[in-house]
Every structure is written in C-alpha cells, then in structure tokens.
C-alpha cells in the first residue's frame, strides 16, 4: 500500500485533513 501522512504535518494531505476537522469545530 501507498501511505501518505504518517508522521509530519504535510501541506498536501495532513493540513487539509486537519483544516477540514477544525472548520467543523
């Protein structure tokens, strides 16, 4: 499997996921 976003906050995957959660909050 291809894995993305394992440890550090990346601009292309992790940050958008975090931002989407924080938008709802």
PDBML (XML) file of the C-alpha atoms, coordinates in Angstrom:
<?xml version="1.0" encoding="UTF-8" ?>
<PDBx:datablock datablockName="MODEL"
   xmlns:PDBx="http://pdbml.pdb.org/schema/pdbx-v50.xsd"
   xmlns:xsi="http://www.w3.org/2001/XMLSchema-instance"
   xsi:schemaLocation="http://pdbml.pdb.org/schema/pdbx-v50.xsd pdbx-v50.xsd">
   <PDBx:atom_siteCategory>
      <PDBx:atom_site id="1">
         <PDBx:B_iso_or_equiv>0.00</PDBx:B_iso_or_equiv>
         <PDBx:Cartn_x>0.000</PDBx:Cartn_x>
         <PDBx:Cartn_y>0.000</PDBx:Cartn_y>
         <PDBx:Cartn_z>0.000</PDBx:Cartn_z>
         <PDBx:auth_asym_id>A</PDBx:auth_asym_id>
         <PDBx:auth_atom_id>CA</PDBx:auth_atom_id>
         <PDBx:auth_comp_id>UNK</PDBx:auth_comp_id>
         <PDBx:auth_seq_id>1</PDBx:auth_seq_id>
         <PDBx:group_PDB>ATOM</PDBx:group_PDB>
         <PDBx:label_alt_id xsi:nil="true" />
         <PDBx:label_asym_id>A</PDBx:label_asym_id>
         <PDBx:label_atom_id>CA</PDBx:label_atom_id>
         <PDBx:label_comp_id>UNK</PDBx:label_comp_id>
         <PDBx:label_entity_id>1</PDBx:label_entity_id>
         <PDBx:label_seq_id>1</PDBx:label_seq_id>
         <PDBx:occupancy>1.00</PDBx:occupancy>
         <PDBx:pdbx_PDB_model_num>1</PDBx:pdbx_PDB_model_num>
         <PDBx:type_symbol>C</PDBx:type_symbol>
      </PDBx:atom_site>
      <PDBx:atom_site id="2">
         <PDBx:B_iso_or_equiv>0.00</PDBx:B_iso_or_equiv>
         <PDBx:Cartn_x>0.971</PDBx:Cartn_x>
         <PDBx:Cartn_y>3.577</PDBx:Cartn_y>
         <PDBx:Cartn_z>-0.658</PDBx:Cartn_z>
         <PDBx:auth_asym_id>A</PDBx:auth_asym_id>
         <PDBx:auth_atom_id>CA</PDBx:auth_atom_id>
         <PDBx:auth_comp_id>UNK</PDBx:auth_comp_id>
         <PDBx:auth_seq_id>2</PDBx:auth_seq_id>
         <PDBx:group_PDB>ATOM</PDBx:group_PDB>
         <PDBx:label_alt_id xsi:nil="true" />
         <PDBx:label_asym_id>A</PDBx:label_asym_id>
         <PDBx:label_atom_id>CA</PDBx:label_atom_id>
         <PDBx:label_comp_id>UNK</PDBx:label_comp_id>
         <PDBx:label_entity_id>1</PDBx:label_entity_id>
         <PDBx:label_seq_id>2</PDBx:label_seq_id>
         <PDBx:occupancy>1.00</PDBx:occupancy>
         <PDBx:pdbx_PDB_model_num>1</PDBx:pdbx_PDB_model_num>
         <PDBx:type_symbol>C</PDBx:type_symbol>
      </PDBx:atom_site>
      <PDBx:atom_site id="3">
         <PDBx:B_iso_or_equiv>0.00</PDBx:B_iso_or_equiv>
         <PDBx:Cartn_x>0.918</PDBx:Cartn_x>
         <PDBx:Cartn_y>5.533</PDBx:Cartn_y>
         <PDBx:Cartn_z>2.595</PDBx:Cartn_z>
         <PDBx:auth_asym_id>A</PDBx:auth_asym_id>
         <PDBx:auth_atom_id>CA</PDBx:auth_atom_id>
         <PDBx:auth_comp_id>UNK</PDBx:auth_comp_id>
         <PDBx:auth_seq_id>3</PDBx:auth_seq_id>
         <PDBx:group_PDB>ATOM</PDBx:group_PDB>
         <PDBx:label_alt_id xsi:nil="true" />
         <PDBx:label_asym_id>A</PDBx:label_asym_id>
         <PDBx:label_atom_id>CA</PDBx:label_atom_id>
         <PDBx:label_comp_id>UNK</PDBx:label_comp_id>
         <PDBx:label_entity_id>1</PDBx:label_entity_id>
         <PDBx:label_seq_id>3</PDBx:label_seq_id>
         <PDBx:occupancy>1.00</PDBx:occupancy>
         <PDBx:pdbx_PDB_model_num>1</PDBx:pdbx_PDB_model_num>
         <PDBx:type_symbol>C</PDBx:type_symbol>
      </PDBx:atom_site>
      <PDBx:atom_site id="4">
         <PDBx:B_iso_or_equiv>0.00</PDBx:B_iso_or_equiv>
         <PDBx:Cartn_x>0.593</PDBx:Cartn_x>
         <PDBx:Cartn_y>9.265</PDBx:Cartn_y>
         <PDBx:Cartn_z>2.989</PDBx:Cartn_z>
         <PDBx:auth_asym_id>A</PDBx:auth_asym_id>
         <PDBx:auth_atom_id>CA</PDBx:auth_atom_id>
         <PDBx:auth_comp_id>UNK</PDBx:auth_comp_id>
         <PDBx:auth_seq_id>4</PDBx:auth_seq_id>
         <PDBx:group_PDB>ATOM</PDBx:group_PDB>
         <PDBx:label_alt_id xsi:nil="true" />
         <PDBx:label_asym_id>A</PDBx:label_asym_id>
         <PDBx:label_atom_id>CA</PDBx:label_atom_id>
         <PDBx:label_comp_id>UNK</PDBx:label_comp_id>
         <PDBx:label_entity_id>1</PDBx:label_entity_id>
         <PDBx:label_seq_id>4</PDBx:label_seq_id>
         <PDBx:occupancy>1.00</PDBx:occupancy>
         <PDBx:pdbx_PDB_model_num>1</PDBx:pdbx_PDB_model_num>
         <PDBx:type_symbol>C</PDBx:type_symbol>
      </PDBx:atom_site>
      <PDBx:atom_site id="5">
         <PDBx:B_iso_or_equiv>0.00</PDBx:B_iso_or_equiv>
         <PDBx:Cartn_x>0.709</PDBx:Cartn_x>
         <PDBx:Cartn_y>11.356</PDBx:Cartn_y>
         <PDBx:Cartn_z>6.129</PDBx:Cartn_z>
         <PDBx:auth_asym_id>A</PDBx:auth_asym_id>
         <PDBx:auth_atom_id>CA</PDBx:auth_atom_id>
         <PDBx:auth_comp_id>UNK</PDBx:auth_comp_id>
         <PDBx:auth_seq_id>5</PDBx:auth_seq_id>
         <PDBx:group_PDB>ATOM</PDBx:group_PDB>
         <PDBx:label_alt_id xsi:nil="true" />
         <PDBx:label_asym_id>A</PDBx:label_asym_id>
         <PDBx:label_atom_id>CA</PDBx:label_atom_id>
         <PDBx:label_comp_id>UNK</PDBx:label_comp_id>
         <PDBx:label_entity_id>1</PDBx:label_entity_id>
         <PDBx:label_seq_id>5</PDBx:label_seq_id>
         <PDBx:occupancy>1.00</PDBx:occupancy>
         <PDBx:pdbx_PDB_model_num>1</PDBx:pdbx_PDB_model_num>
         <PDBx:type_symbol>C</PDBx:type_symbol>
      </PDBx:atom_site>
      <PDBx:atom_site id="6">
         <PDBx:B_iso_or_equiv>0.00</PDBx:B_iso_or_equiv>
         <PDBx:Cartn_x>2.470</PDBx:Cartn_x>
         <PDBx:Cartn_y>9.100</PDBx:Cartn_y>
         <PDBx:Cartn_z>8.598</PDBx:Cartn_z>
         <PDBx:auth_asym_id>A</PDBx:auth_asym_id>
         <PDBx:auth_atom_id>CA</PDBx:auth_atom_id>
         <PDBx:auth_comp_id>UNK</PDBx:auth_comp_id>
         <PDBx:auth_seq_id>6</PDBx:auth_seq_id>
         <PDBx:group_PDB>ATOM</PDBx:group_PDB>
         <PDBx:label_alt_id xsi:nil="true" />
         <PDBx:label_asym_id>A</PDBx:label_asym_id>
         <PDBx:label_atom_id>CA</PDBx:label_atom_id>
         <PDBx:label_comp_id>UNK</PDBx:label_comp_id>
         <PDBx:label_entity_id>1</PDBx:label_entity_id>
         <PDBx:label_seq_id>6</PDBx:label_seq_id>
         <PDBx:occupancy>1.00</PDBx:occupancy>
         <PDBx:pdbx_PDB_model_num>1</PDBx:pdbx_PDB_model_num>
         <PDBx:type_symbol>C</PDBx:type_symbol>
      </PDBx:atom_site>
      <PDBx:atom_site id="7">
         <PDBx:B_iso_or_equiv>0.00</PDBx:B_iso_or_equiv>
         <PDBx:Cartn_x>4.384</PDBx:Cartn_x>
         <PDBx:Cartn_y>11.416</PDBx:Cartn_y>
         <PDBx:Cartn_z>10.900</PDBx:Cartn_z>
         <PDBx:auth_asym_id>A</PDBx:auth_asym_id>
         <PDBx:auth_atom_id>CA</PDBx:auth_atom_id>
         <PDBx:auth_comp_id>UNK</PDBx:auth_comp_id>
         <PDBx:auth_seq_id>7</PDBx:auth_seq_id>
         <PDBx:group_PDB>ATOM</PDBx:group_PDB>
         <PDBx:label_alt_id xsi:nil="true" />
         <PDBx:label_asym_id>A</PDBx:label_asym_id>
         <PDBx:label_atom_id>CA</PDBx:label_atom_id>
         <PDBx:label_comp_id>UNK</PDBx:label_comp_id>
         <PDBx:label_entity_id>1</PDBx:label_entity_id>
         <PDBx:label_seq_id>7</PDBx:label_seq_id>
         <PDBx:occupancy>1.00</PDBx:occupancy>
         <PDBx:pdbx_PDB_model_num>1</PDBx:pdbx_PDB_model_num>
         <PDBx:type_symbol>C</PDBx:type_symbol>
      </PDBx:atom_site>
      <PDBx:atom_site id="8">
         <PDBx:B_iso_or_equiv>0.00</PDBx:B_iso_or_equiv>
         <PDBx:Cartn_x>4.780</PDBx:Cartn_x>
         <PDBx:Cartn_y>15.063</PDBx:Cartn_y>
         <PDBx:Cartn_z>9.962</PDBx:Cartn_z>
         <PDBx:auth_asym_id>A</PDBx:auth_asym_id>
         <PDBx:auth_atom_id>CA</PDBx:auth_atom_id>
         <PDBx:auth_comp_id>UNK</PDBx:auth_comp_id>
         <PDBx:auth_seq_id>8</PDBx:auth_seq_id>
         <PDBx:group_PDB>ATOM</PDBx:group_PDB>
         <PDBx:label_alt_id xsi:nil="true" />
         <PDBx:label_asym_id>A</PDBx:label_asym_id>
         <PDBx:label_atom_id>CA</PDBx:label_atom_id>
         <PDBx:label_comp_id>UNK</PDBx:label_comp_id>
         <PDBx:label_entity_id>1</PDBx:label_entity_id>
         <PDBx:label_seq_id>8</PDBx:label_seq_id>
         <PDBx:occupancy>1.00</PDBx:occupancy>
         <PDBx:pdbx_PDB_model_num>1</PDBx:pdbx_PDB_model_num>
         <PDBx:type_symbol>C</PDBx:type_symbol>
      </PDBx:atom_site>
      <PDBx:atom_site id="9">
         <PDBx:B_iso_or_equiv>0.00</PDBx:B_iso_or_equiv>
         <PDBx:Cartn_x>2.159</PDBx:Cartn_x>
         <PDBx:Cartn_y>17.588</PDBx:Cartn_y>
         <PDBx:Cartn_z>9.008</PDBx:Cartn_z>
         <PDBx:auth_asym_id>A</PDBx:auth_asym_id>
         <PDBx:auth_atom_id>CA</PDBx:auth_atom_id>
         <PDBx:auth_comp_id>UNK</PDBx:auth_comp_id>
         <PDBx:auth_seq_id>9</PDBx:auth_seq_id>
         <PDBx:group_PDB>ATOM</PDBx:group_PDB>
         <PDBx:label_alt_id xsi:nil="true" />
         <PDBx:label_asym_id>A</PDBx:label_asym_id>
         <PDBx:label_atom_id>CA</PDBx:label_atom_id>
         <PDBx:label_comp_id>UNK</PDBx:label_comp_id>
         <PDBx:label_entity_id>1</PDBx:label_entity_id>
         <PDBx:label_seq_id>9</PDBx:label_seq_id>
         <PDBx:occupancy>1.00</PDBx:occupancy>
         <PDBx:pdbx_PDB_model_num>1</PDBx:pdbx_PDB_model_num>
         <PDBx:type_symbol>C</PDBx:type_symbol>
      </PDBx:atom_site>
      <PDBx:atom_site id="10">
         <PDBx:B_iso_or_equiv>0.00</PDBx:B_iso_or_equiv>
         <PDBx:Cartn_x>2.252</PDBx:Cartn_x>
         <PDBx:Cartn_y>17.812</PDBx:Cartn_y>
         <PDBx:Cartn_z>5.207</PDBx:Cartn_z>
         <PDBx:auth_asym_id>A</PDBx:auth_asym_id>
         <PDBx:auth_atom_id>CA</PDBx:auth_atom_id>
         <PDBx:auth_comp_id>UNK</PDBx:auth_comp_id>
         <PDBx:auth_seq_id>10</PDBx:auth_seq_id>
         <PDBx:group_PDB>ATOM</PDBx:group_PDB>
         <PDBx:label_alt_id xsi:nil="true" />
         <PDBx:label_asym_id>A</PDBx:label_asym_id>
         <PDBx:label_atom_id>CA</PDBx:label_atom_id>
         <PDBx:label_comp_id>UNK</PDBx:label_comp_id>
         <PDBx:label_entity_id>1</PDBx:label_entity_id>
         <PDBx:label_seq_id>10</PDBx:label_seq_id>
         <PDBx:occupancy>1.00</PDBx:occupancy>
         <PDBx:pdbx_PDB_model_num>1</PDBx:pdbx_PDB_model_num>
         <PDBx:type_symbol>C</PDBx:type_symbol>
      </PDBx:atom_site>
      <PDBx:atom_site id="11">
         <PDBx:B_iso_or_equiv>0.00</PDBx:B_iso_or_equiv>
         <PDBx:Cartn_x>0.674</PDBx:Cartn_x>
         <PDBx:Cartn_y>20.596</PDBx:Cartn_y>
         <PDBx:Cartn_z>3.191</PDBx:Cartn_z>
         <PDBx:auth_asym_id>A</PDBx:auth_asym_id>
         <PDBx:auth_atom_id>CA</PDBx:auth_atom_id>
         <PDBx:auth_comp_id>UNK</PDBx:auth_comp_id>
         <PDBx:auth_seq_id>11</PDBx:auth_seq_id>
         <PDBx:group_PDB>ATOM</PDBx:group_PDB>
         <PDBx:label_alt_id xsi:nil="true" />
         <PDBx:label_asym_id>A</PDBx:label_asym_id>
         <PDBx:label_atom_id>CA</PDBx:label_atom_id>
         <PDBx:label_comp_id>UNK</PDBx:label_comp_id>
         <PDBx:label_entity_id>1</PDBx:label_entity_id>
         <PDBx:label_seq_id>11</PDBx:label_seq_id>
         <PDBx:occupancy>1.00</PDBx:occupancy>
         <PDBx:pdbx_PDB_model_num>1</PDBx:pdbx_PDB_model_num>
         <PDBx:type_symbol>C</PDBx:type_symbol>
      </PDBx:atom_site>
      <PDBx:atom_site id="12">
         <PDBx:B_iso_or_equiv>0.00</PDBx:B_iso_or_equiv>
         <PDBx:Cartn_x>-0.807</PDBx:Cartn_x>
         <PDBx:Cartn_y>18.252</PDBx:Cartn_y>
         <PDBx:Cartn_z>0.587</PDBx:Cartn_z>
         <PDBx:auth_asym_id>A</PDBx:auth_asym_id>
         <PDBx:auth_atom_id>CA</PDBx:auth_atom_id>
         <PDBx:auth_comp_id>UNK</PDBx:auth_comp_id>
         <PDBx:auth_seq_id>12</PDBx:auth_seq_id>
         <PDBx:group_PDB>ATOM</PDBx:group_PDB>
         <PDBx:label_alt_id xsi:nil="true" />
         <PDBx:label_asym_id>A</PDBx:label_asym_id>
         <PDBx:label_atom_id>CA</PDBx:label_atom_id>
         <PDBx:label_comp_id>UNK</PDBx:label_comp_id>
         <PDBx:label_entity_id>1</PDBx:label_entity_id>
         <PDBx:label_seq_id>12</PDBx:label_seq_id>
         <PDBx:occupancy>1.00</PDBx:occupancy>
         <PDBx:pdbx_PDB_model_num>1</PDBx:pdbx_PDB_model_num>
         <PDBx:type_symbol>C</PDBx:type_symbol>
      </PDBx:atom_site>
      <PDBx:atom_site id="13">
         <PDBx:B_iso_or_equiv>0.00</PDBx:B_iso_or_equiv>
         <PDBx:Cartn_x>-2.601</PDBx:Cartn_x>
         <PDBx:Cartn_y>15.783</PDBx:Cartn_y>
         <PDBx:Cartn_z>2.859</PDBx:Cartn_z>
         <PDBx:auth_asym_id>A</PDBx:auth_asym_id>
         <PDBx:auth_atom_id>CA</PDBx:auth_atom_id>
         <PDBx:auth_comp_id>UNK</PDBx:auth_comp_id>
         <PDBx:auth_seq_id>13</PDBx:auth_seq_id>
         <PDBx:group_PDB>ATOM</PDBx:group_PDB>
         <PDBx:label_alt_id xsi:nil="true" />
         <PDBx:label_asym_id>A</PDBx:label_asym_id>
         <PDBx:label_atom_id>CA</PDBx:label_atom_id>
         <PDBx:label_comp_id>UNK</PDBx:label_comp_id>
         <PDBx:label_entity_id>1</PDBx:label_entity_id>
         <PDBx:label_seq_id>13</PDBx:label_seq_id>
         <PDBx:occupancy>1.00</PDBx:occupancy>
         <PDBx:pdbx_PDB_model_num>1</PDBx:pdbx_PDB_model_num>
         <PDBx:type_symbol>C</PDBx:type_symbol>
      </PDBx:atom_site>
      <PDBx:atom_site id="14">
         <PDBx:B_iso_or_equiv>0.00</PDBx:B_iso_or_equiv>
         <PDBx:Cartn_x>-2.381</PDBx:Cartn_x>
         <PDBx:Cartn_y>16.306</PDBx:Cartn_y>
         <PDBx:Cartn_z>6.609</PDBx:Cartn_z>
         <PDBx:auth_asym_id>A</PDBx:auth_asym_id>
         <PDBx:auth_atom_id>CA</PDBx:auth_atom_id>
         <PDBx:auth_comp_id>UNK</PDBx:auth_comp_id>
         <PDBx:auth_seq_id>14</PDBx:auth_seq_id>
         <PDBx:group_PDB>ATOM</PDBx:group_PDB>
         <PDBx:label_alt_id xsi:nil="true" />
         <PDBx:label_asym_id>A</PDBx:label_asym_id>
         <PDBx:label_atom_id>CA</PDBx:label_atom_id>
         <PDBx:label_comp_id>UNK</PDBx:label_comp_id>
         <PDBx:label_entity_id>1</PDBx:label_entity_id>
         <PDBx:label_seq_id>14</PDBx:label_seq_id>
         <PDBx:occupancy>1.00</PDBx:occupancy>
         <PDBx:pdbx_PDB_model_num>1</PDBx:pdbx_PDB_model_num>
         <PDBx:type_symbol>C</PDBx:type_symbol>
      </PDBx:atom_site>
      <PDBx:atom_site id="15">
         <PDBx:B_iso_or_equiv>0.00</PDBx:B_iso_or_equiv>
         <PDBx:Cartn_x>-3.032</PDBx:Cartn_x>
         <PDBx:Cartn_y>20.039</PDBx:Cartn_y>
         <PDBx:Cartn_z>6.711</PDBx:Cartn_z>
         <PDBx:auth_asym_id>A</PDBx:auth_asym_id>
         <PDBx:auth_atom_id>CA</PDBx:auth_atom_id>
         <PDBx:auth_comp_id>UNK</PDBx:auth_comp_id>
         <PDBx:auth_seq_id>15</PDBx:auth_seq_id>
         <PDBx:group_PDB>ATOM</PDBx:group_PDB>
         <PDBx:label_alt_id xsi:nil="true" />
         <PDBx:label_asym_id>A</PDBx:label_asym_id>
         <PDBx:label_atom_id>CA</PDBx:label_atom_id>
         <PDBx:label_comp_id>UNK</PDBx:label_comp_id>
         <PDBx:label_entity_id>1</PDBx:label_entity_id>
         <PDBx:label_seq_id>15</PDBx:label_seq_id>
         <PDBx:occupancy>1.00</PDBx:occupancy>
         <PDBx:pdbx_PDB_model_num>1</PDBx:pdbx_PDB_model_num>
         <PDBx:type_symbol>C</PDBx:type_symbol>
      </PDBx:atom_site>
      <PDBx:atom_site id="16">
         <PDBx:B_iso_or_equiv>0.00</PDBx:B_iso_or_equiv>
         <PDBx:Cartn_x>-6.207</PDBx:Cartn_x>
         <PDBx:Cartn_y>19.814</PDBx:Cartn_y>
         <PDBx:Cartn_z>4.585</PDBx:Cartn_z>
         <PDBx:auth_asym_id>A</PDBx:auth_asym_id>
         <PDBx:auth_atom_id>CA</PDBx:auth_atom_id>
         <PDBx:auth_comp_id>UNK</PDBx:auth_comp_id>
         <PDBx:auth_seq_id>16</PDBx:auth_seq_id>
         <PDBx:group_PDB>ATOM</PDBx:group_PDB>
         <PDBx:label_alt_id xsi:nil="true" />
         <PDBx:label_asym_id>A</PDBx:label_asym_id>
         <PDBx:label_atom_id>CA</PDBx:label_atom_id>
         <PDBx:label_comp_id>UNK</PDBx:label_comp_id>
         <PDBx:label_entity_id>1</PDBx:label_entity_id>
         <PDBx:label_seq_id>16</PDBx:label_seq_id>
         <PDBx:occupancy>1.00</PDBx:occupancy>
         <PDBx:pdbx_PDB_model_num>1</PDBx:pdbx_PDB_model_num>
         <PDBx:type_symbol>C</PDBx:type_symbol>
      </PDBx:atom_site>
      <PDBx:atom_site id="17">
         <PDBx:B_iso_or_equiv>0.00</PDBx:B_iso_or_equiv>
         <PDBx:Cartn_x>-7.481</PDBx:Cartn_x>
         <PDBx:Cartn_y>16.941</PDBx:Cartn_y>
         <PDBx:Cartn_z>6.776</PDBx:Cartn_z>
         <PDBx:auth_asym_id>A</PDBx:auth_asym_id>
         <PDBx:auth_atom_id>CA</PDBx:auth_atom_id>
         <PDBx:auth_comp_id>UNK</PDBx:auth_comp_id>
         <PDBx:auth_seq_id>17</PDBx:auth_seq_id>
         <PDBx:group_PDB>ATOM</PDBx:group_PDB>
         <PDBx:label_alt_id xsi:nil="true" />
         <PDBx:label_asym_id>A</PDBx:label_asym_id>
         <PDBx:label_atom_id>CA</PDBx:label_atom_id>
         <PDBx:label_comp_id>UNK</PDBx:label_comp_id>
         <PDBx:label_entity_id>1</PDBx:label_entity_id>
         <PDBx:label_seq_id>17</PDBx:label_seq_id>
         <PDBx:occupancy>1.00</PDBx:occupancy>
         <PDBx:pdbx_PDB_model_num>1</PDBx:pdbx_PDB_model_num>
         <PDBx:type_symbol>C</PDBx:type_symbol>
      </PDBx:atom_site>
      <PDBx:atom_site id="18">
         <PDBx:B_iso_or_equiv>0.00</PDBx:B_iso_or_equiv>
         <PDBx:Cartn_x>-6.748</PDBx:Cartn_x>
         <PDBx:Cartn_y>18.926</PDBx:Cartn_y>
         <PDBx:Cartn_z>9.937</PDBx:Cartn_z>
         <PDBx:auth_asym_id>A</PDBx:auth_asym_id>
         <PDBx:auth_atom_id>CA</PDBx:auth_atom_id>
         <PDBx:auth_comp_id>UNK</PDBx:auth_comp_id>
         <PDBx:auth_seq_id>18</PDBx:auth_seq_id>
         <PDBx:group_PDB>ATOM</PDBx:group_PDB>
         <PDBx:label_alt_id xsi:nil="true" />
         <PDBx:label_asym_id>A</PDBx:label_asym_id>
         <PDBx:label_atom_id>CA</PDBx:label_atom_id>
         <PDBx:label_comp_id>UNK</PDBx:label_comp_id>
         <PDBx:label_entity_id>1</PDBx:label_entity_id>
         <PDBx:label_seq_id>18</PDBx:label_seq_id>
         <PDBx:occupancy>1.00</PDBx:occupancy>
         <PDBx:pdbx_PDB_model_num>1</PDBx:pdbx_PDB_model_num>
         <PDBx:type_symbol>C</PDBx:type_symbol>
      </PDBx:atom_site>
      <PDBx:atom_site id="19">
         <PDBx:B_iso_or_equiv>0.00</PDBx:B_iso_or_equiv>
         <PDBx:Cartn_x>-8.266</PDBx:Cartn_x>
         <PDBx:Cartn_y>22.096</PDBx:Cartn_y>
         <PDBx:Cartn_z>8.466</PDBx:Cartn_z>
         <PDBx:auth_asym_id>A</PDBx:auth_asym_id>
         <PDBx:auth_atom_id>CA</PDBx:auth_atom_id>
         <PDBx:auth_comp_id>UNK</PDBx:auth_comp_id>
         <PDBx:auth_seq_id>19</PDBx:auth_seq_id>
         <PDBx:group_PDB>ATOM</PDBx:group_PDB>
         <PDBx:label_alt_id xsi:nil="true" />
         <PDBx:label_asym_id>A</PDBx:label_asym_id>
         <PDBx:label_atom_id>CA</PDBx:label_atom_id>
         <PDBx:label_comp_id>UNK</PDBx:label_comp_id>
         <PDBx:label_entity_id>1</PDBx:label_entity_id>
         <PDBx:label_seq_id>19</PDBx:label_seq_id>
         <PDBx:occupancy>1.00</PDBx:occupancy>
         <PDBx:pdbx_PDB_model_num>1</PDBx:pdbx_PDB_model_num>
         <PDBx:type_symbol>C</PDBx:type_symbol>
      </PDBx:atom_site>
      <PDBx:atom_site id="20">
         <PDBx:B_iso_or_equiv>0.00</PDBx:B_iso_or_equiv>
         <PDBx:Cartn_x>-11.461</PDBx:Cartn_x>
         <PDBx:Cartn_y>20.258</PDBx:Cartn_y>
         <PDBx:Cartn_z>7.456</PDBx:Cartn_z>
         <PDBx:auth_asym_id>A</PDBx:auth_asym_id>
         <PDBx:auth_atom_id>CA</PDBx:auth_atom_id>
         <PDBx:auth_comp_id>UNK</PDBx:auth_comp_id>
         <PDBx:auth_seq_id>20</PDBx:auth_seq_id>
         <PDBx:group_PDB>ATOM</PDBx:group_PDB>
         <PDBx:label_alt_id xsi:nil="true" />
         <PDBx:label_asym_id>A</PDBx:label_asym_id>
         <PDBx:label_atom_id>CA</PDBx:label_atom_id>
         <PDBx:label_comp_id>UNK</PDBx:label_comp_id>
         <PDBx:label_entity_id>1</PDBx:label_entity_id>
         <PDBx:label_seq_id>20</PDBx:label_seq_id>
         <PDBx:occupancy>1.00</PDBx:occupancy>
         <PDBx:pdbx_PDB_model_num>1</PDBx:pdbx_PDB_model_num>
         <PDBx:type_symbol>C</PDBx:type_symbol>
      </PDBx:atom_site>
      <PDBx:atom_site id="21">
         <PDBx:B_iso_or_equiv>0.00</PDBx:B_iso_or_equiv>
         <PDBx:Cartn_x>-11.885</PDBx:Cartn_x>
         <PDBx:Cartn_y>18.975</PDBx:Cartn_y>
         <PDBx:Cartn_z>11.016</PDBx:Cartn_z>
         <PDBx:auth_asym_id>A</PDBx:auth_asym_id>
         <PDBx:auth_atom_id>CA</PDBx:auth_atom_id>
         <PDBx:auth_comp_id>UNK</PDBx:auth_comp_id>
         <PDBx:auth_seq_id>21</PDBx:auth_seq_id>
         <PDBx:group_PDB>ATOM</PDBx:group_PDB>
         <PDBx:label_alt_id xsi:nil="true" />
         <PDBx:label_asym_id>A</PDBx:label_asym_id>
         <PDBx:label_atom_id>CA</PDBx:label_atom_id>
         <PDBx:label_comp_id>UNK</PDBx:label_comp_id>
         <PDBx:label_entity_id>1</PDBx:label_entity_id>
         <PDBx:label_seq_id>21</PDBx:label_seq_id>
         <PDBx:occupancy>1.00</PDBx:occupancy>
         <PDBx:pdbx_PDB_model_num>1</PDBx:pdbx_PDB_model_num>
         <PDBx:type_symbol>C</PDBx:type_symbol>
      </PDBx:atom_site>
      <PDBx:atom_site id="22">
         <PDBx:B_iso_or_equiv>0.00</PDBx:B_iso_or_equiv>
         <PDBx:Cartn_x>-11.156</PDBx:Cartn_x>
         <PDBx:Cartn_y>22.368</PDBx:Cartn_y>
         <PDBx:Cartn_z>12.530</PDBx:Cartn_z>
         <PDBx:auth_asym_id>A</PDBx:auth_asym_id>
         <PDBx:auth_atom_id>CA</PDBx:auth_atom_id>
         <PDBx:auth_comp_id>UNK</PDBx:auth_comp_id>
         <PDBx:auth_seq_id>22</PDBx:auth_seq_id>
         <PDBx:group_PDB>ATOM</PDBx:group_PDB>
         <PDBx:label_alt_id xsi:nil="true" />
         <PDBx:label_asym_id>A</PDBx:label_asym_id>
         <PDBx:label_atom_id>CA</PDBx:label_atom_id>
         <PDBx:label_comp_id>UNK</PDBx:label_comp_id>
         <PDBx:label_entity_id>1</PDBx:label_entity_id>
         <PDBx:label_seq_id>22</PDBx:label_seq_id>
         <PDBx:occupancy>1.00</PDBx:occupancy>
         <PDBx:pdbx_PDB_model_num>1</PDBx:pdbx_PDB_model_num>
         <PDBx:type_symbol>C</PDBx:type_symbol>
      </PDBx:atom_site>
      <PDBx:atom_site id="23">
         <PDBx:B_iso_or_equiv>0.00</PDBx:B_iso_or_equiv>
         <PDBx:Cartn_x>-13.632</PDBx:Cartn_x>
         <PDBx:Cartn_y>24.051</PDBx:Cartn_y>
         <PDBx:Cartn_z>10.189</PDBx:Cartn_z>
         <PDBx:auth_asym_id>A</PDBx:auth_asym_id>
         <PDBx:auth_atom_id>CA</PDBx:auth_atom_id>
         <PDBx:auth_comp_id>UNK</PDBx:auth_comp_id>
         <PDBx:auth_seq_id>23</PDBx:auth_seq_id>
         <PDBx:group_PDB>ATOM</PDBx:group_PDB>
         <PDBx:label_alt_id xsi:nil="true" />
         <PDBx:label_asym_id>A</PDBx:label_asym_id>
         <PDBx:label_atom_id>CA</PDBx:label_atom_id>
         <PDBx:label_comp_id>UNK</PDBx:label_comp_id>
         <PDBx:label_entity_id>1</PDBx:label_entity_id>
         <PDBx:label_seq_id>23</PDBx:label_seq_id>
         <PDBx:occupancy>1.00</PDBx:occupancy>
         <PDBx:pdbx_PDB_model_num>1</PDBx:pdbx_PDB_model_num>
         <PDBx:type_symbol>C</PDBx:type_symbol>
      </PDBx:atom_site>
      <PDBx:atom_site id="24">
         <PDBx:B_iso_or_equiv>0.00</PDBx:B_iso_or_equiv>
         <PDBx:Cartn_x>-16.434</PDBx:Cartn_x>
         <PDBx:Cartn_y>21.923</PDBx:Cartn_y>
         <PDBx:Cartn_z>11.641</PDBx:Cartn_z>
         <PDBx:auth_asym_id>A</PDBx:auth_asym_id>
         <PDBx:auth_atom_id>CA</PDBx:auth_atom_id>
         <PDBx:auth_comp_id>UNK</PDBx:auth_comp_id>
         <PDBx:auth_seq_id>24</PDBx:auth_seq_id>
         <PDBx:group_PDB>ATOM</PDBx:group_PDB>
         <PDBx:label_alt_id xsi:nil="true" />
         <PDBx:label_asym_id>A</PDBx:label_asym_id>
         <PDBx:label_atom_id>CA</PDBx:label_atom_id>
         <PDBx:label_comp_id>UNK</PDBx:label_comp_id>
         <PDBx:label_entity_id>1</PDBx:label_entity_id>
         <PDBx:label_seq_id>24</PDBx:label_seq_id>
         <PDBx:occupancy>1.00</PDBx:occupancy>
         <PDBx:pdbx_PDB_model_num>1</PDBx:pdbx_PDB_model_num>
         <PDBx:type_symbol>C</PDBx:type_symbol>
      </PDBx:atom_site>
      <PDBx:atom_site id="25">
         <PDBx:B_iso_or_equiv>0.00</PDBx:B_iso_or_equiv>
         <PDBx:Cartn_x>-15.261</PDBx:Cartn_x>
         <PDBx:Cartn_y>22.631</PDBx:Cartn_y>
         <PDBx:Cartn_z>15.178</PDBx:Cartn_z>
         <PDBx:auth_asym_id>A</PDBx:auth_asym_id>
         <PDBx:auth_atom_id>CA</PDBx:auth_atom_id>
         <PDBx:auth_comp_id>UNK</PDBx:auth_comp_id>
         <PDBx:auth_seq_id>25</PDBx:auth_seq_id>
         <PDBx:group_PDB>ATOM</PDBx:group_PDB>
         <PDBx:label_alt_id xsi:nil="true" />
         <PDBx:label_asym_id>A</PDBx:label_asym_id>
         <PDBx:label_atom_id>CA</PDBx:label_atom_id>
         <PDBx:label_comp_id>UNK</PDBx:label_comp_id>
         <PDBx:label_entity_id>1</PDBx:label_entity_id>
         <PDBx:label_seq_id>25</PDBx:label_seq_id>
         <PDBx:occupancy>1.00</PDBx:occupancy>
         <PDBx:pdbx_PDB_model_num>1</PDBx:pdbx_PDB_model_num>
         <PDBx:type_symbol>C</PDBx:type_symbol>
      </PDBx:atom_site>
   </PDBx:atom_siteCategory>
</PDBx:datablock>
